[in-house]
Amino acid sequence: MNRRTSPTRRGHKIFDSRFPLCDSRSCECRRLRSPRFPSRFTHHRHFFRNARHRLPPMKLPRRTFLRNSALGLGGALLSVRTRAAAPAPAQRCDPYGTVRLGRSPLRVSRFCLGTGMRGGKRESNHTRMGRGKLEALIRGAHERGVRMYDLADLYGTHPYVVSALHDIPRDRYQIVTKIWFRPGGIPEAERPDADAVVARFLRELKTDYIDLLLMHCVVSAKWPEELARQMEMIAKLKEKGVVRAHGVSCHSLVALEAAATEPWVDSVHARINPFGMSMDGPPEKVAPVLQRLRAAGKGVVGMKIVGEGRLRNEPEKRSESVRYALGLGCVDVLNVGCESTEEIDDLATRMREVPEPA
């Protein structure tokens, strides 16, 4: 009776005829031989010791070898050239990255949390939230990466930052606050000198220094002359390390122009957006002054980016305003009085869409 040879057995016969088994009974190739290993490596390491198992070397014509080598080298060079010619991806703005504020010693986050929406008489929309909600907002901002907080005597927000960030080392965030010297605005009629006001600020903030101190809401073209006494006092406080940098918050175009030429100024808060909302003049007149401020080494903190809240429900205009302010190349920081962490996240997202200013 003729028995059919199974495919497996037939495979073994073919394999044995092509690759004779080694003489050594202990060779591992006995255990490895199988149709599943139809290559010269089936004989394992014994193959390399036994020359009779070695297959003849592949013969390649010299002309073919040279042609293939040239093609491979050309492809490699082309790949390198293509990679070198490809432009680097544009770096996007980091809302929580730190930037230097003009020529001052301050390095601050590009996004600053404002606390003075509709501020006056030591109140603002932020204080009207209630202590718990405002402290949670400040804490949430810090957890996201905000390191600069804009306060003022006019807003009454000093105590909230202290309690919200009580366990954060003082050098991990920057406090901006402002002296109100104009009539009205705060409950008291008296306007003590800057040194006395700063001493009160330090007690309220429970700190021994203020990062950036501003004269709040200057509008006169002659403000450097009118406030010379206060400016001198603040300069002495800076020498003592009580104030790290000083400047003004401008609320008129002439005051802004005066700041650009005043050596005392380290940084300026200026109102800027592409729609002229709550600004000191049309954008085409304000922007060149901001450029001059930047060229003079002053820090520039942009205010009213969201039009004092009027763009809250207009996302496209919010994006346009952020692009405009950052695209000027002279605005270091965006100071926005967000009233929720959702608004912080929204602004941060829109800032990330803008290429990093050169």
Protein backbone atom coordinates (compact mmCIF):
# COMPACT_ATOMS: atom_id res chain seq x y z
CA MET A 1 0.00 0.00 0.00
CA ASN A 2 1.49 3.25 -1.07
CA ARG A 3 1.40 5.81 1.67
CA ARG A 4 1.34 9.44 0.71
CA THR A 5 4.22 11.49 2.03
CA SER A 6 2.95 14.25 4.25
CA PRO A 7 3.88 17.86 3.39
CA THR A 8 5.89 18.10 6.58
CA ARG A 9 7.92 14.97 5.85
CA ARG A 10 8.39 16.03 2.25
CA GLY A 11 9.66 19.36 3.48
CA HIS A 12 12.18 17.63 5.72
CA LYS A 13 13.51 15.59 2.79
CA ILE A 14 13.94 18.64 0.60
CA PHE A 15 15.62 20.50 3.43
CA ASP A 16 18.03 17.62 4.17
CA SER A 17 18.99 17.34 0.53
CA ARG A 18 19.82 21.05 0.31
CA PHE A 19 21.52 21.40 3.69
CA PRO A 20 23.21 18.15 4.78
CA LEU A 21 23.21 17.64 8.51
CA CYS A 22 26.45 18.15 10.40
CA ASP A 23 28.60 15.21 11.42
CA SER A 24 28.57 16.30 15.03
CA ARG A 25 25.81 14.54 16.94
CA SER A 26 25.75 17.30 19.54
CA CYS A 27 25.28 20.12 17.04
CA GLU A 28 22.23 22.28 17.76
CA CYS A 29 21.26 22.26 14.10
CA ARG A 30 19.63 18.84 14.70
CA ARG A 31 17.04 20.52 16.87
CA LEU A 32 16.63 23.50 14.57
CA ARG A 33 16.15 21.77 11.21
CA SER A 34 12.65 22.29 9.97
CA PRO A 35 10.86 23.55 6.84
CA ARG A 36 10.18 26.68 8.85
CA PHE A 37 13.88 27.60 8.70
CA PRO A 38 14.69 27.46 4.94
CA SER A 39 17.80 29.64 5.15
CA ARG A 40 21.48 29.33 5.67
CA PHE A 41 21.04 30.51 9.26
CA THR A 42 19.16 27.33 10.17
CA HIS A 43 22.44 25.71 11.13
CA HIS A 44 22.81 28.26 13.91
CA ARG A 45 26.33 29.12 15.05
CA HIS A 46 27.78 25.85 13.72
CA PHE A 47 27.19 27.23 10.22
CA PHE A 48 29.82 29.89 10.80
CA ARG A 49 32.39 27.34 11.99
CA ASN A 50 31.83 24.90 9.15
CA ALA A 51 32.88 26.34 5.77
CA ARG A 52 31.13 23.62 3.77
CA HIS A 53 27.74 25.07 4.78
CA ARG A 54 28.60 28.56 3.58
CA LEU A 55 26.75 29.74 0.48
CA PRO A 56 28.70 31.32 -2.35
CA PRO A 57 28.95 35.13 -2.15
CA MET A 58 26.56 37.20 -4.22
CA LYS A 59 28.23 38.55 -7.35
CA LEU A 60 27.32 42.14 -8.30
CA PRO A 61 28.71 43.72 -11.48
CA ARG A 62 30.99 46.67 -10.74
CA ARG A 63 28.94 49.03 -12.93
CA THR A 64 25.72 48.10 -11.09
CA PHE A 65 27.44 48.54 -7.72
CA LEU A 66 28.71 52.01 -8.62
CA ARG A 67 25.33 53.08 -10.01
CA ASN A 68 23.46 51.92 -6.89
CA SER A 69 26.01 53.56 -4.61
CA ALA A 70 25.70 56.87 -6.46
CA LEU A 71 21.91 56.73 -6.27
CA GLY A 72 22.02 56.04 -2.54
CA LEU A 73 24.46 58.86 -1.87
CA GLY A 74 22.44 61.29 -3.98
CA GLY A 75 19.27 60.39 -2.11
CA ALA A 76 20.98 60.93 1.22
CA LEU A 77 22.31 64.34 0.16
CA LEU A 78 18.90 65.35 -1.19
CA SER A 79 17.29 64.35 2.09
CA VAL A 80 19.76 66.45 4.08
CA ARG A 81 19.30 69.42 1.75
CA THR A 82 15.50 69.14 1.99
CA ARG A 83 15.61 69.08 5.77
CA ALA A 84 17.94 72.08 5.86
CA ALA A 85 15.74 74.07 3.47
CA ALA A 86 12.50 73.33 5.32
CA PRO A 87 11.49 76.38 7.41
CA ALA A 88 11.32 75.91 11.17
CA PRO A 89 7.77 75.90 12.53
CA ALA A 90 6.70 79.30 13.89
CA GLN A 91 6.94 79.50 17.66
CA ARG A 92 3.65 80.34 19.31
CA CYS A 93 3.09 82.75 22.16
CA ASP A 94 3.12 81.15 25.60
CA PRO A 95 0.64 82.99 27.86
CA TYR A 96 2.43 81.69 30.93
CA GLY A 97 5.97 82.09 29.66
CA THR A 98 8.02 84.80 31.33
CA VAL A 99 9.25 87.94 29.62
CA ARG A 100 11.42 90.78 30.81
CA LEU A 101 9.52 93.97 31.48
CA GLY A 102 11.49 96.56 29.54
CA ARG A 103 14.89 97.18 31.12
CA SER A 104 13.58 96.61 34.62
CA PRO A 105 14.78 93.61 36.65
CA LEU A 106 11.31 92.06 36.50
CA ARG A 107 10.56 88.85 34.62
CA VAL A 108 6.80 88.40 34.52
CA SER A 109 4.25 86.12 32.90
CA ARG A 110 2.96 87.36 29.55
CA PHE A 111 -0.58 87.10 30.90
CA CYS A 112 -1.39 89.26 33.93
CA LEU A 113 -4.58 88.81 35.93
CA GLY A 114 -6.33 92.13 36.46
CA THR A 115 -8.58 92.66 39.48
CA GLY A 116 -10.10 96.08 38.78
CA MET A 117 -13.04 95.55 36.46
CA ARG A 118 -15.44 98.46 37.14
CA GLY A 119 -13.22 99.51 40.04
CA GLY A 120 -13.65 102.42 42.45
CA LYS A 121 -14.06 103.21 46.17
CA ARG A 122 -11.97 100.10 46.95
CA GLU A 123 -14.41 97.84 45.16
CA SER A 124 -14.52 96.11 41.78
CA ASN A 125 -16.39 93.33 40.04
CA HIS A 126 -13.76 91.05 41.53
CA THR A 127 -14.31 92.04 45.15
CA ARG A 128 -18.06 91.89 44.59
CA MET A 129 -17.69 88.16 43.78
CA GLY A 130 -17.04 87.54 47.45
CA ARG A 131 -13.82 86.48 49.14
CA GLY A 132 -14.16 82.76 48.43
CA LYS A 133 -14.72 83.13 44.69
CA LEU A 134 -12.03 85.77 44.18
CA GLU A 135 -9.44 83.78 46.12
CA ALA A 136 -10.34 80.68 44.09
CA LEU A 137 -9.90 82.70 40.89
CA ILE A 138 -6.47 83.96 41.94
CA ARG A 139 -5.45 80.48 43.04
CA GLY A 140 -6.70 78.96 39.78
CA ALA A 141 -4.76 81.56 37.81
CA HIS A 142 -1.55 80.72 39.64
CA GLU A 143 -2.06 76.98 39.13
CA ARG A 144 -2.32 77.63 35.39
CA GLY A 145 0.91 79.64 35.31
CA VAL A 146 -0.10 83.28 35.89
CA ARG A 147 2.65 85.00 37.87
CA MET A 148 1.66 88.67 37.64
CA TYR A 149 -1.31 90.18 39.52
CA ASP A 150 -2.55 93.70 38.90
CA LEU A 151 -3.95 95.35 42.04
CA ALA A 152 -4.65 98.91 43.16
CA ASP A 153 -5.73 100.88 46.20
CA LEU A 154 -8.70 101.97 44.09
CA TYR A 155 -9.84 98.34 43.66
CA GLY A 156 -9.46 97.22 47.28
CA THR A 157 -7.96 93.89 46.20
CA HIS A 158 -4.77 93.81 48.33
CA PRO A 159 -6.03 91.41 51.05
CA TYR A 160 -7.34 88.83 48.58
CA VAL A 161 -4.03 88.06 46.92
CA VAL A 162 -2.36 87.63 50.32
CA SER A 163 -4.81 84.97 51.48
CA ALA A 164 -5.11 83.23 48.10
CA LEU A 165 -1.34 82.79 47.71
CA HIS A 166 -0.41 82.50 51.39
CA ASP A 167 1.53 79.24 50.90
CA ILE A 168 3.30 80.31 47.69
CA PRO A 169 6.85 81.66 48.10
CA ARG A 170 6.84 85.41 47.55
CA ASP A 171 9.44 85.25 44.78
CA ARG A 172 7.16 82.99 42.72
CA TYR A 173 4.77 85.78 41.74
CA GLN A 174 4.84 89.55 41.09
CA ILE A 175 2.54 92.14 42.62
CA VAL A 176 1.62 95.29 40.72
CA THR A 177 -0.22 97.96 42.64
CA LYS A 178 -1.04 101.63 42.18
CA ILE A 179 -1.23 104.82 44.23
CA TRP A 180 -4.38 106.88 43.75
CA PHE A 181 -3.44 110.57 44.00
CA ARG A 182 -6.43 112.17 42.28
CA PRO A 183 -9.52 113.64 43.99
CA GLY A 184 -12.30 111.14 44.68
CA GLY A 185 -11.90 107.49 43.85
CA ILE A 186 -11.15 106.31 47.40
CA PRO A 187 -13.06 107.03 50.62
CA GLU A 188 -10.43 109.29 52.24
CA ALA A 189 -10.09 112.93 51.25
CA GLU A 190 -6.43 113.12 52.28
CA ARG A 191 -3.63 112.13 49.92
CA PRO A 192 -0.58 111.20 51.99
CA ASP A 193 2.87 111.14 50.41
CA ALA A 194 3.99 108.05 48.53
CA ASP A 195 6.24 106.75 51.31
CA ALA A 196 3.34 106.66 53.78
CA VAL A 197 1.04 105.04 51.23
CA VAL A 198 3.60 102.36 50.39
CA ALA A 199 4.07 101.58 54.10
CA ARG A 200 0.32 100.91 54.32
CA PHE A 201 0.42 98.80 51.14
CA LEU A 202 3.17 96.61 52.62
CA ARG A 203 1.07 95.97 55.72
CA GLU A 204 -2.01 95.12 53.66
CA LEU A 205 -0.04 92.84 51.34
CA LYS A 206 1.98 91.30 54.20
CA THR A 207 5.17 91.63 52.19
CA ASP A 208 8.38 93.61 52.46
CA TYR A 209 8.54 94.73 48.83
CA ILE A 210 6.35 95.60 45.84
CA ASP A 211 7.43 94.42 42.40
CA LEU A 212 5.90 97.23 40.34
CA LEU A 213 4.45 100.43 41.79
CA LEU A 214 2.52 102.81 39.55
CA MET A 215 1.01 106.26 39.86
CA HIS A 216 -2.58 105.51 38.94
CA CYS A 217 -4.51 107.19 36.13
CA VAL A 218 -2.21 110.00 34.97
CA VAL A 219 -3.86 112.23 32.37
CA SER A 220 -1.87 115.48 32.26
CA ALA A 221 0.92 116.10 29.78
CA LYS A 222 2.81 117.70 32.71
CA TRP A 223 2.44 114.82 35.11
CA PRO A 224 6.26 114.39 35.49
CA GLU A 225 6.41 117.93 36.92
CA GLU A 226 3.20 117.67 38.94
CA LEU A 227 4.20 114.38 40.56
CA ALA A 228 7.92 115.07 40.89
CA ARG A 229 7.87 114.95 44.72
CA GLN A 230 6.10 111.58 44.79
CA MET A 231 8.36 110.21 42.06
CA GLU A 232 11.45 111.17 44.08
CA MET A 233 10.11 109.36 47.15
CA ILE A 234 9.35 106.25 45.13
CA ALA A 235 12.83 106.33 43.59
CA LYS A 236 14.33 106.31 47.11
CA LEU A 237 12.14 103.34 48.02
CA LYS A 238 13.50 101.59 44.95
CA GLU A 239 17.06 102.24 46.13
CA LYS A 240 16.16 100.58 49.45
CA GLY A 241 14.66 97.54 47.69
CA VAL A 242 11.12 98.26 48.89
CA VAL A 243 10.04 98.85 45.28
CA ARG A 244 11.66 96.91 42.44
CA ALA A 245 10.32 98.99 39.53
CA HIS A 246 8.04 102.00 39.10
CA GLY A 247 5.97 103.72 36.45
CA VAL A 248 2.55 105.05 35.56
CA SER A 249 -0.87 103.94 34.40
CA CYS A 250 -1.83 106.29 31.56
CA HIS A 251 -5.34 107.43 30.71
CA SER A 252 -4.67 110.03 28.01
CA LEU A 253 -2.57 110.20 24.89
CA VAL A 254 -0.56 113.21 26.07
CA ALA A 255 0.25 111.46 29.35
CA LEU A 256 1.38 108.42 27.37
CA GLU A 257 3.61 110.57 25.18
CA ALA A 258 5.14 112.18 28.27
CA ALA A 259 5.93 108.74 29.70
CA ALA A 260 7.90 107.84 26.58
CA THR A 261 10.46 110.56 27.32
CA GLU A 262 10.51 110.40 31.13
CA PRO A 263 13.66 108.62 32.44
CA TRP A 264 11.98 107.80 35.78
CA VAL A 265 9.50 105.45 34.09
CA ASP A 266 10.37 101.75 34.12
CA SER A 267 7.00 100.49 32.88
CA VAL A 268 3.68 101.82 31.59
CA HIS A 269 0.15 100.47 31.70
CA ALA A 270 -1.46 101.52 28.40
CA ARG A 271 -4.89 100.90 26.89
CA ILE A 272 -4.75 99.16 23.52
CA ASN A 273 -7.05 97.20 21.22
CA PRO A 274 -7.84 97.43 17.49
CA PHE A 275 -11.32 98.88 18.06
CA GLY A 276 -10.47 102.00 20.09
CA MET A 277 -12.62 100.82 23.00
CA SER A 278 -11.87 102.65 26.29
CA MET A 279 -8.59 103.89 24.82
CA ASP A 280 -6.65 107.15 24.89
CA GLY A 281 -7.11 107.65 21.17
CA PRO A 282 -7.49 105.70 17.93
CA PRO A 283 -5.18 102.68 17.63
CA GLU A 284 -3.23 104.24 14.76
CA LYS A 285 -2.18 107.08 17.10
CA VAL A 286 -1.63 105.04 20.26
CA ALA A 287 0.42 102.23 18.69
CA PRO A 288 3.33 104.49 17.55
CA VAL A 289 3.64 105.85 21.10
CA LEU A 290 3.85 102.30 22.44
CA GLN A 291 6.60 101.65 19.91
CA ARG A 292 8.50 104.67 21.23
CA LEU A 293 8.05 103.45 24.79
CA ARG A 294 9.49 100.09 23.85
CA ALA A 295 12.40 101.70 21.98
CA ALA A 296 13.16 103.77 25.10
CA GLY A 297 13.46 100.59 27.17
CA LYS A 298 10.14 100.91 29.01
CA GLY A 299 8.01 97.91 29.79
CA VAL A 300 4.55 98.01 28.18
CA VAL A 301 1.56 96.34 29.83
CA GLY A 302 -1.51 96.36 27.61
CA MET A 303 -4.90 97.08 29.19
CA LYS A 304 -8.45 97.00 27.82
CA ILE A 305 -7.58 94.12 25.50
CA VAL A 306 -11.17 92.88 25.80
CA GLY A 307 -12.57 96.42 25.66
CA GLU A 308 -13.31 96.52 29.40
CA GLY A 309 -15.47 93.42 29.02
CA ARG A 310 -17.43 94.59 25.99
CA LEU A 311 -15.92 91.83 23.82
CA ARG A 312 -16.85 89.10 26.28
CA ASN A 313 -19.52 87.70 23.96
CA GLU A 314 -17.65 88.32 20.70
CA PRO A 315 -15.04 85.56 20.36
CA GLU A 316 -13.83 86.59 16.90
CA LYS A 317 -13.14 90.14 18.06
CA ARG A 318 -11.39 88.84 21.16
CA SER A 319 -9.05 86.84 18.95
CA GLU A 320 -8.50 89.85 16.70
CA SER A 321 -7.69 92.04 19.70
CA VAL A 322 -5.18 89.55 21.12
CA ARG A 323 -3.53 89.16 17.70
CA TYR A 324 -3.35 92.91 17.27
CA ALA A 325 -1.83 93.68 20.67
CA LEU A 326 0.79 90.92 20.51
CA GLY A 327 1.45 91.55 16.83
CA LEU A 328 2.58 95.11 17.52
CA GLY A 329 5.78 93.65 18.90
CA CYS A 330 5.97 96.24 21.68
CA VAL A 331 3.41 94.98 24.22
CA ASP A 332 5.15 92.79 26.78
CA VAL A 333 2.14 91.73 28.85
CA LEU A 334 -1.63 91.47 28.42
CA ASN A 335 -3.44 92.59 31.57
CA VAL A 336 -7.01 91.27 31.50
CA GLY A 337 -9.53 91.28 34.34
CA CYS A 338 -10.89 87.78 33.81
CA GLU A 339 -13.73 86.94 36.20
CA SER A 340 -13.57 83.14 35.91
CA THR A 341 -11.01 80.44 35.20
CA GLU A 342 -12.93 79.70 31.99
CA GLU A 343 -12.16 83.23 30.79
CA ILE A 344 -8.50 82.73 31.71
CA ASP A 345 -8.40 79.51 29.67
CA ASP A 346 -10.14 81.22 26.75
CA LEU A 347 -7.65 84.08 26.67
CA ALA A 348 -4.70 81.70 27.01
CA THR A 349 -5.98 79.67 24.05
CA ARG A 350 -6.24 82.79 21.90
CA MET A 351 -2.75 83.91 22.90
CA ARG A 352 -1.33 80.53 21.86
CA GLU A 353 -2.72 81.06 18.36
CA VAL A 354 -0.46 84.09 17.85
CA PRO A 355 3.16 83.71 16.64
CA GLU A 356 5.71 84.76 19.23
CA PRO A 357 6.72 88.40 18.60
CA ALA A 358 10.24 88.76 17.21
